Amino acid sequence: MARNSPEKSLRSKSERLEARISPQNKDQIIQEHEIMVLSRKDQEVFVEALFNPPEPSEKLRLAAQRYKKNMGVVSAVNR
């Protein structure tokens, strides 16, 4: 017995979800899943992180190097 591929499984799930969505409630469903409502404190934390991001840790630097090596990414600095 052959197993379903992840793509086929995802497609099947997507088709089942689409069948349950009526034209009347599709906009509401999209809005509920795409819009994030943040408290005032969460907004401040988010903006602070955008304007003053922390320095990447050594672990993150190593992960980025490993990713670039595995993906064949050449940075402008290394050219």
Protein backbone atom coordinates (compact mmCIF):
# COMPACT_ATOMS: atom_id res chain seq x y z
CA MET A 1 0.00 0.00 0.00
CA ALA A 2 1.49 3.36 -1.04
CA ARG A 3 1.63 6.21 1.40
CA ASN A 4 0.19 9.61 0.63
CA SER A 5 2.78 12.23 -0.16
CA PRO A 6 2.84 15.33 2.07
CA GLU A 7 1.77 17.42 -0.93
CA LYS A 8 -1.24 15.19 -1.60
CA SER A 9 -2.20 15.22 2.07
CA LEU A 10 -1.96 19.01 2.22
CA ARG A 11 -3.97 19.36 -0.99
CA SER A 12 -6.65 17.06 0.40
CA LYS A 13 -6.85 19.03 3.64
CA SER A 14 -7.03 22.28 1.68
CA GLU A 15 -9.87 20.93 -0.46
CA ARG A 16 -11.82 19.84 2.63
CA LEU A 17 -11.40 23.28 4.20
CA GLU A 18 -12.46 25.06 1.02
CA ALA A 19 -15.61 22.96 0.89
CA ARG A 20 -16.59 24.23 4.36
CA ILE A 21 -16.07 27.90 3.54
CA SER A 22 -19.07 29.66 2.09
CA PRO A 23 -18.77 32.88 0.09
CA GLN A 24 -20.55 34.67 2.95
CA ASN A 25 -17.97 33.83 5.62
CA LYS A 26 -14.72 33.60 3.62
CA ASP A 27 -13.74 37.24 4.29
CA GLN A 28 -14.30 36.82 8.03
CA ILE A 29 -12.21 33.63 8.08
CA ILE A 30 -9.38 35.29 6.18
CA GLN A 31 -9.47 38.29 8.51
CA GLU A 32 -9.39 36.08 11.62
CA HIS A 33 -6.30 34.26 10.34
CA GLU A 34 -4.35 37.15 8.84
CA ILE A 35 -4.85 40.02 11.26
CA MET A 36 -3.04 39.99 14.57
CA VAL A 37 -4.44 42.20 17.30
CA LEU A 38 -1.77 43.31 19.77
CA SER A 39 -2.12 44.94 23.14
CA ARG A 40 -0.48 48.34 23.62
CA LYS A 41 2.42 46.70 25.48
CA ASP A 42 2.87 44.09 22.72
CA GLN A 43 2.92 46.88 20.13
CA GLU A 44 5.64 48.71 22.05
CA VAL A 45 7.75 45.56 22.43
CA PHE A 46 7.37 44.76 18.72
CA VAL A 47 8.35 48.26 17.57
CA GLU A 48 11.29 48.35 20.00
CA ALA A 49 12.57 45.05 18.59
CA LEU A 50 12.26 46.41 15.03
CA PHE A 51 14.09 49.66 15.75
CA ASN A 52 16.66 48.21 18.17
CA PRO A 53 17.16 44.55 17.37
CA PRO A 54 19.43 42.57 19.68
CA GLU A 55 22.81 41.39 18.40
CA PRO A 56 22.64 37.86 16.98
CA SER A 57 23.94 35.20 19.33
CA GLU A 58 26.87 32.99 18.40
CA LYS A 59 24.45 30.09 17.93
CA LEU A 60 22.40 32.16 15.46
CA ARG A 61 25.53 33.27 13.58
CA LEU A 62 26.66 29.66 13.21
CA ALA A 63 23.20 28.59 12.04
CA ALA A 64 23.19 31.37 9.41
CA GLN A 65 26.64 30.32 8.18
CA ARG A 66 25.54 26.68 7.99
CA TYR A 67 22.39 27.66 6.09
CA LYS A 68 24.32 29.79 3.60
CA LYS A 69 26.83 26.99 3.03
CA ASN A 70 24.09 24.38 2.55
CA MET A 71 22.06 26.61 0.24
CA GLY A 72 25.06 27.84 -1.77
CA VAL A 73 24.43 31.46 -0.81
CA VAL A 74 27.28 33.84 -1.56
CA SER A 75 27.17 37.03 0.45
CA ALA A 76 28.30 40.39 -0.96
CA VAL A 77 31.02 40.50 1.72
CA ASN A 78 32.60 37.27 0.43
CA ARG A 79 32.76 38.31 -3.24
